[in-house]
Amino acid sequence: MIKVLHYYPKEDAITARCITLLTETMSQRVESEIADSTIVFKKKCKTWHPDIVHIYGDLQCSTTCRRVVSPCGMPFNSRQPYYVVIARSPMESDRLQKEGAKRLEIIRNPLFTKTTDFNEMADKMTYVYQKVMDSNPLPLMDEVTKQAFPLLLKVALVGDKRWLAGETINIDDINFRTLFIYSELEGVLHLINKGLQLLDIEAPPYQKAACYLPDDFQVPTTSHESSITTQVCDIRDNGITILNLCNIFELLYDTTLNEDELIKELETEDNLILFKSILALEDEILHLDYGFMPCPPIENRLTRKLRKDIYNHLQL
């Protein structure tokens, strides 16, 4: 169950009433706590560990939790990090958009209009909370699922489950929902499904999840005419993705690859250092065997940047 801490100004009696009725209505789906002061807020964050902090009005707070903001008629602070902004009407939504708000949802307050009730409000708010939790799934991924992800990818890329000799995947503890959402957003869901099939793992059915995504985000895709050189150029020009690593992995496994020619091409494009940094991540993330590397990998500032970019690829 998602844990939400509602943080609102103590003097706002109407918001307090709305939160009370809302949390009671969705209590079977969302676990809620309430804070009406900085002291209570900090204590709840420290002891209760919420998944989401829902901030009402123009309150400021320091938290690493995912934030939902309901301005409640107050000016919007676009400098405050958030996942979604809740407007009470289309008119407020238009105003908030002009003030710089992105990822807006309209959820009417039953205390102000008879066009909705708290059951409908609870349904919509629960949907938004789930959408927040499904967004940018990598930081929330548990260790078992995080360890299974590259193993499944490599089995799929190699096409042979015998590669897993000595490695184990704890199937019962995998969070398949998080695994599938992350894989889909990174453009590698087909490889994860292939890995599961090769390992005879029966996963629960997956329905596409709604997520909040970075501006201008597009799910990575593979060009059928791709080469290692074009993949490296793509990483140089557009940033690195998990799919880039998978594409390069497959191309390096090609027994017809002329490694000397590849190195010359990369040197000509001044991309050899970048390629060596990419190889370090091929080893770290996809467990690429050193025998398939045309040159030694390197760990440098560029490698660290690429690693950080992969981790933050879906960050809002």
Protein backbone atom coordinates (compact mmCIF):
# COMPACT_ATOMS: atom_id res chain seq x y z
CA MET A 1 0.00 0.00 0.00
CA ILE A 2 1.32 3.47 -0.91
CA LYS A 3 2.16 5.65 2.10
CA VAL A 4 1.24 9.33 1.69
CA LEU A 5 2.01 12.12 4.14
CA HIS A 6 -0.36 15.07 3.71
CA TYR A 7 1.28 18.36 4.72
CA TYR A 8 -0.94 21.43 4.97
CA PRO A 9 -1.08 24.81 6.77
CA LYS A 10 -2.57 24.45 10.24
CA GLU A 11 -4.79 27.51 9.84
CA ASP A 12 -6.44 26.17 6.66
CA ALA A 13 -9.57 24.53 8.09
CA ILE A 14 -11.16 23.80 4.69
CA THR A 15 -8.09 21.92 3.43
CA ALA A 16 -7.90 20.04 6.73
CA ARG A 17 -11.55 18.97 6.35
CA CYS A 18 -10.97 17.88 2.75
CA ILE A 19 -7.89 15.82 3.68
CA THR A 20 -9.75 14.12 6.53
CA LEU A 21 -12.64 13.06 4.30
CA LEU A 22 -10.33 12.09 1.43
CA THR A 23 -8.03 9.92 3.53
CA GLU A 24 -11.00 8.17 5.15
CA THR A 25 -12.50 7.40 1.73
CA MET A 26 -9.32 5.91 0.27
CA SER A 27 -8.07 4.23 3.46
CA GLN A 28 -8.38 0.74 1.93
CA ARG A 29 -6.03 1.68 -0.92
CA VAL A 30 -3.69 4.35 0.44
CA GLU A 31 -2.11 4.57 3.89
CA SER A 32 -2.17 8.19 5.05
CA GLU A 33 -0.72 10.38 7.78
CA ILE A 34 -1.26 14.10 8.33
CA ALA A 35 1.11 16.90 9.34
CA ASP A 36 0.09 20.50 10.00
CA SER A 37 3.41 21.91 11.22
CA THR A 38 7.11 21.71 10.37
CA ILE A 39 7.87 19.81 13.57
CA VAL A 40 5.21 17.16 12.93
CA PHE A 41 6.22 16.92 9.27
CA LYS A 42 9.89 16.26 10.06
CA LYS A 43 8.96 13.74 12.74
CA LYS A 44 6.61 11.83 10.41
CA CYS A 45 9.21 11.74 7.65
CA LYS A 46 11.83 10.40 10.05
CA THR A 47 9.72 7.77 11.79
CA TRP A 48 7.03 6.80 9.27
CA HIS A 49 9.03 6.98 6.00
CA PRO A 50 6.31 7.99 3.52
CA ASP A 51 6.53 7.14 -0.17
CA ILE A 52 4.90 10.43 -1.20
CA VAL A 53 4.59 13.82 0.42
CA HIS A 54 1.45 15.67 -0.69
CA ILE A 55 1.97 19.39 -0.08
CA TYR A 56 -0.97 21.78 0.09
CA GLY A 57 -0.83 25.55 -0.43
CA ASP A 58 2.57 27.22 -0.74
CA LEU A 59 4.37 25.34 2.06
CA GLN A 60 8.09 24.65 1.65
CA CYS A 61 9.76 21.52 2.92
CA SER A 62 12.94 19.50 2.65
CA THR A 63 12.39 15.85 1.78
CA THR A 64 13.72 13.13 -0.49
CA CYS A 65 10.21 11.69 -0.92
CA ARG A 66 8.28 12.04 -4.15
CA ARG A 67 6.17 15.19 -4.06
CA VAL A 68 2.63 15.92 -5.13
CA VAL A 69 1.64 19.59 -4.92
CA SER A 70 -1.85 21.04 -4.51
CA PRO A 71 -1.48 24.86 -4.57
CA CYS A 72 -5.11 25.33 -3.40
CA GLY A 73 -5.35 28.75 -5.04
CA MET A 74 -1.88 29.89 -3.96
CA PRO A 75 0.87 30.94 -6.43
CA PHE A 76 2.94 28.01 -7.71
CA ASN A 77 6.62 27.71 -6.81
CA SER A 78 8.20 26.13 -9.88
CA ARG A 79 11.59 25.85 -8.14
CA GLN A 80 10.26 23.22 -5.77
CA PRO A 81 10.84 19.68 -7.15
CA TYR A 82 7.65 17.73 -7.74
CA TYR A 83 6.13 14.89 -9.74
CA VAL A 84 2.69 16.36 -10.39
CA VAL A 85 0.61 19.43 -9.60
CA ILE A 86 -3.07 19.02 -8.68
CA ALA A 87 -5.48 21.74 -9.84
CA ARG A 88 -9.06 22.00 -8.58
CA SER A 89 -10.50 23.24 -11.89
CA PRO A 90 -9.54 23.84 -15.54
CA MET A 91 -9.26 27.55 -14.76
CA GLU A 92 -6.74 26.92 -11.99
CA SER A 93 -4.91 24.49 -14.25
CA ASP A 94 -4.52 27.20 -16.91
CA ARG A 95 -3.19 29.64 -14.33
CA LEU A 96 -0.73 27.14 -12.90
CA GLN A 97 0.52 26.29 -16.39
CA LYS A 98 1.22 29.98 -17.01
CA GLU A 99 3.14 30.07 -13.74
CA GLY A 100 5.40 27.27 -14.98
CA ALA A 101 3.72 24.15 -13.65
CA LYS A 102 4.12 20.93 -15.66
CA ARG A 103 2.46 17.54 -15.34
CA LEU A 104 -0.91 18.92 -14.25
CA GLU A 105 -3.90 16.86 -13.14
CA ILE A 106 -7.39 18.26 -12.49
CA ILE A 107 -9.14 16.78 -9.45
CA ARG A 108 -12.18 18.70 -8.23
CA ASN A 109 -12.79 19.26 -4.53
CA PRO A 110 -16.27 18.09 -3.39
CA LEU A 111 -16.31 20.84 -0.75
CA PHE A 112 -16.42 23.43 -3.56
CA THR A 113 -18.56 21.73 -6.21
CA LYS A 114 -21.47 19.30 -6.44
CA THR A 115 -20.15 17.88 -9.73
CA THR A 116 -18.07 15.32 -7.83
CA ASP A 117 -17.93 13.48 -4.52
CA PHE A 118 -15.22 12.05 -2.29
CA ASN A 119 -15.46 8.60 -3.85
CA GLU A 120 -14.56 10.05 -7.24
CA MET A 121 -11.89 12.27 -5.73
CA ALA A 122 -10.37 9.27 -3.93
CA ASP A 123 -10.35 7.23 -7.15
CA LYS A 124 -8.57 9.98 -9.06
CA MET A 125 -6.11 10.74 -6.28
CA THR A 126 -5.25 7.06 -5.86
CA TYR A 127 -4.62 6.87 -9.61
CA VAL A 128 -2.28 9.88 -9.40
CA TYR A 129 -0.37 8.42 -6.44
CA GLN A 130 0.13 5.13 -8.28
CA LYS A 131 1.26 7.03 -11.37
CA VAL A 132 3.82 8.88 -9.26
CA MET A 133 5.14 5.62 -7.81
CA ASP A 134 5.38 4.02 -11.26
CA SER A 135 7.40 6.96 -12.64
CA ASN A 136 11.22 6.80 -12.70
CA PRO A 137 11.15 3.26 -11.26
CA LEU A 138 14.90 2.59 -11.04
CA PRO A 139 15.53 4.44 -7.72
CA LEU A 140 12.67 2.47 -6.14
CA MET A 141 13.75 -0.91 -7.51
CA ASP A 142 14.65 -3.44 -4.81
CA GLU A 143 18.01 -5.20 -4.91
CA VAL A 144 16.65 -8.59 -6.03
CA THR A 145 14.90 -7.05 -9.05
CA LYS A 146 17.88 -4.80 -9.74
CA GLN A 147 20.16 -7.85 -9.85
CA ALA A 148 17.76 -9.87 -12.02
CA PHE A 149 17.44 -7.12 -14.65
CA PRO A 150 20.95 -7.41 -16.23
CA LEU A 151 20.98 -11.20 -15.92
CA LEU A 152 17.74 -11.48 -17.89
CA LEU A 153 19.09 -9.06 -20.48
CA LYS A 154 22.29 -11.04 -20.97
CA VAL A 155 20.47 -14.36 -21.28
CA ALA A 156 18.31 -12.77 -23.98
CA LEU A 157 21.26 -11.16 -25.79
CA VAL A 158 23.35 -14.35 -25.74
CA GLY A 159 20.31 -16.51 -26.44
CA ASP A 160 21.45 -19.25 -24.10
CA LYS A 161 20.32 -19.87 -20.51
CA ARG A 162 23.45 -21.93 -19.85
CA TRP A 163 25.32 -18.65 -19.47
CA LEU A 164 23.65 -18.36 -16.05
CA ALA A 165 25.71 -21.25 -14.67
CA GLY A 166 26.75 -20.15 -11.19
CA GLU A 167 24.27 -17.25 -11.16
CA THR A 168 20.88 -17.38 -9.47
CA ILE A 169 17.71 -15.38 -9.93
CA ASN A 170 15.38 -15.35 -6.93
CA ILE A 171 12.15 -15.54 -8.91
CA ASP A 172 9.79 -15.36 -5.92
CA ASP A 173 11.17 -12.00 -4.77
CA ILE A 174 11.27 -10.21 -8.13
CA ASN A 175 8.98 -7.19 -8.34
CA PHE A 176 7.76 -7.92 -11.87
CA ARG A 177 5.66 -4.78 -12.11
CA THR A 178 8.66 -2.52 -11.47
CA LEU A 179 10.84 -4.69 -13.73
CA PHE A 180 8.38 -4.46 -16.63
CA ILE A 181 7.71 -0.74 -16.27
CA TYR A 182 11.42 0.10 -16.24
CA SER A 183 12.14 -2.27 -19.13
CA GLU A 184 9.34 -0.82 -21.22
CA LEU A 185 10.45 2.77 -20.68
CA GLU A 186 14.03 1.82 -21.56
CA GLY A 187 12.96 0.04 -24.75
CA VAL A 188 14.17 -3.41 -23.64
CA LEU A 189 10.92 -5.11 -22.57
CA HIS A 190 11.19 -7.48 -25.55
CA LEU A 191 14.60 -8.63 -24.28
CA ILE A 192 13.35 -9.12 -20.72
CA ASN A 193 10.46 -11.23 -22.02
CA LYS A 194 12.89 -13.25 -24.14
CA GLY A 195 15.14 -13.82 -21.11
CA LEU A 196 12.18 -14.96 -19.03
CA GLN A 197 11.10 -17.32 -21.80
CA LEU A 198 14.58 -18.84 -22.17
CA LEU A 199 14.72 -19.42 -18.43
CA ASP A 200 11.20 -20.89 -18.35
CA ILE A 201 10.09 -18.25 -15.85
CA GLU A 202 6.36 -17.61 -15.85
CA ALA A 203 5.80 -13.97 -14.98
CA PRO A 204 2.44 -12.40 -14.08
CA PRO A 205 0.65 -10.56 -16.91
CA TYR A 206 1.70 -6.95 -17.40
CA GLN A 207 -0.56 -4.09 -18.37
CA LYS A 208 1.04 -0.88 -19.56
CA ALA A 209 1.42 1.54 -16.66
CA ALA A 210 0.78 5.28 -16.72
CA CYS A 211 3.87 7.29 -15.78
CA TYR A 212 5.08 10.87 -15.60
CA LEU A 213 8.03 11.30 -17.96
CA PRO A 214 10.75 13.90 -18.58
CA ASP A 215 10.04 16.63 -21.13
CA ASP A 216 10.26 15.43 -24.76
CA PHE A 217 10.94 11.86 -23.60
CA GLN A 218 10.73 9.11 -26.21
CA VAL A 219 11.15 5.40 -25.58
CA PRO A 220 14.48 4.34 -27.16
CA THR A 221 14.24 2.29 -30.35
CA THR A 222 16.75 0.30 -32.40
CA SER A 223 17.61 0.97 -36.03
CA HIS A 224 18.02 -2.23 -38.04
CA GLU A 225 20.93 -0.62 -39.91
CA SER A 226 22.80 0.20 -36.73
CA SER A 227 26.52 -0.37 -36.26
CA ILE A 228 28.83 0.05 -33.27
CA THR A 229 30.12 3.31 -34.72
CA THR A 230 26.60 4.73 -35.17
CA GLN A 231 25.63 3.60 -31.66
CA VAL A 232 28.66 5.37 -30.19
CA CYS A 233 27.86 8.51 -32.20
CA ASP A 234 24.27 8.32 -30.96
CA ILE A 235 25.50 8.15 -27.38
CA ARG A 236 27.83 11.09 -28.00
CA ASP A 237 25.09 13.24 -29.56
CA ASN A 238 21.94 12.18 -27.68
CA GLY A 239 23.06 10.55 -24.45
CA ILE A 240 23.32 6.93 -23.36
CA THR A 241 20.51 4.45 -22.72
CA ILE A 242 20.28 0.83 -21.62
CA LEU A 243 19.16 -0.02 -25.17
CA ASN A 244 22.39 1.48 -26.57
CA LEU A 245 24.35 -0.89 -24.34
CA CYS A 246 22.26 -3.86 -25.48
CA ASN A 247 22.71 -2.95 -29.15
CA ILE A 248 26.48 -2.63 -28.78
CA PHE A 249 26.57 -5.90 -26.81
CA GLU A 250 24.84 -7.76 -29.66
CA LEU A 251 27.13 -6.21 -32.27
CA LEU A 252 30.25 -7.14 -30.28
CA TYR A 253 29.04 -10.74 -30.14
CA ASP A 254 29.05 -10.86 -33.96
CA THR A 255 31.85 -13.23 -34.94
CA THR A 256 32.33 -11.39 -38.26
CA LEU A 257 33.29 -8.15 -36.50
CA ASN A 258 36.63 -6.77 -37.68
CA GLU A 259 38.01 -5.31 -34.48
CA ASP A 260 40.98 -3.53 -36.11
CA GLU A 261 38.71 -1.71 -38.55
CA LEU A 262 36.34 -0.79 -35.73
CA ILE A 263 39.16 0.78 -33.68
CA LYS A 264 40.30 2.78 -36.73
CA GLU A 265 36.75 4.05 -37.34
CA LEU A 266 36.39 5.09 -33.73
CA GLU A 267 39.76 6.85 -33.79
CA THR A 268 38.81 8.68 -36.99
CA GLU A 269 35.62 9.95 -35.33
CA ASP A 270 37.57 10.76 -32.14
CA ASN A 271 35.27 8.38 -30.27
CA LEU A 272 37.72 5.77 -28.96
CA ILE A 273 37.91 7.13 -25.41
CA LEU A 274 34.11 7.29 -25.29
CA PHE A 275 33.92 3.70 -26.54
CA LYS A 276 36.30 2.51 -23.81
CA SER A 277 34.09 4.19 -21.21
CA ILE A 278 31.06 2.47 -22.74
CA LEU A 279 32.85 -0.88 -22.49
CA ALA A 280 33.28 -0.33 -18.75
CA LEU A 281 29.47 -0.10 -18.46
CA GLU A 282 29.01 -3.10 -20.76
CA ASP A 283 31.05 -5.06 -18.23
CA GLU A 284 29.38 -3.54 -15.16
CA ILE A 285 25.74 -3.64 -16.32
CA LEU A 286 25.53 -6.44 -18.89
CA HIS A 287 28.51 -8.56 -17.77
CA LEU A 288 30.11 -8.49 -21.22
CA ASP A 289 33.00 -10.97 -21.30
CA TYR A 290 36.41 -9.37 -21.78
CA GLY A 291 37.09 -11.70 -24.68
CA PHE A 292 34.50 -9.81 -26.73
CA MET A 293 36.01 -6.38 -26.04
CA PRO A 294 38.12 -4.99 -28.92
CA CYS A 295 40.09 -2.87 -26.42
CA PRO A 296 40.36 -2.52 -22.65
CA PRO A 297 37.62 -0.56 -20.83
CA ILE A 298 38.51 2.50 -18.80
CA GLU A 299 37.11 4.12 -15.67
CA ASN A 300 37.32 7.91 -15.86
CA ARG A 301 35.21 11.03 -15.45
CA LEU A 302 33.36 10.28 -18.69
CA THR A 303 32.52 6.76 -17.48
CA ARG A 304 31.11 8.18 -14.27
CA LYS A 305 29.02 10.68 -16.24
CA LEU A 306 27.61 7.92 -18.47
CA ARG A 307 26.78 5.84 -15.40
CA LYS A 308 24.98 8.78 -13.83
CA ASP A 309 23.09 9.52 -17.07
CA ILE A 310 21.78 5.94 -17.19
CA TYR A 311 20.58 6.17 -13.59
CA ASN A 312 18.91 9.54 -14.19
CA HIS A 313 17.48 8.77 -17.64
CA LEU A 314 13.87 8.80 -16.40
CA GLN A 315 14.31 11.48 -13.73
CA LEU A 316 11.81 14.34 -13.93
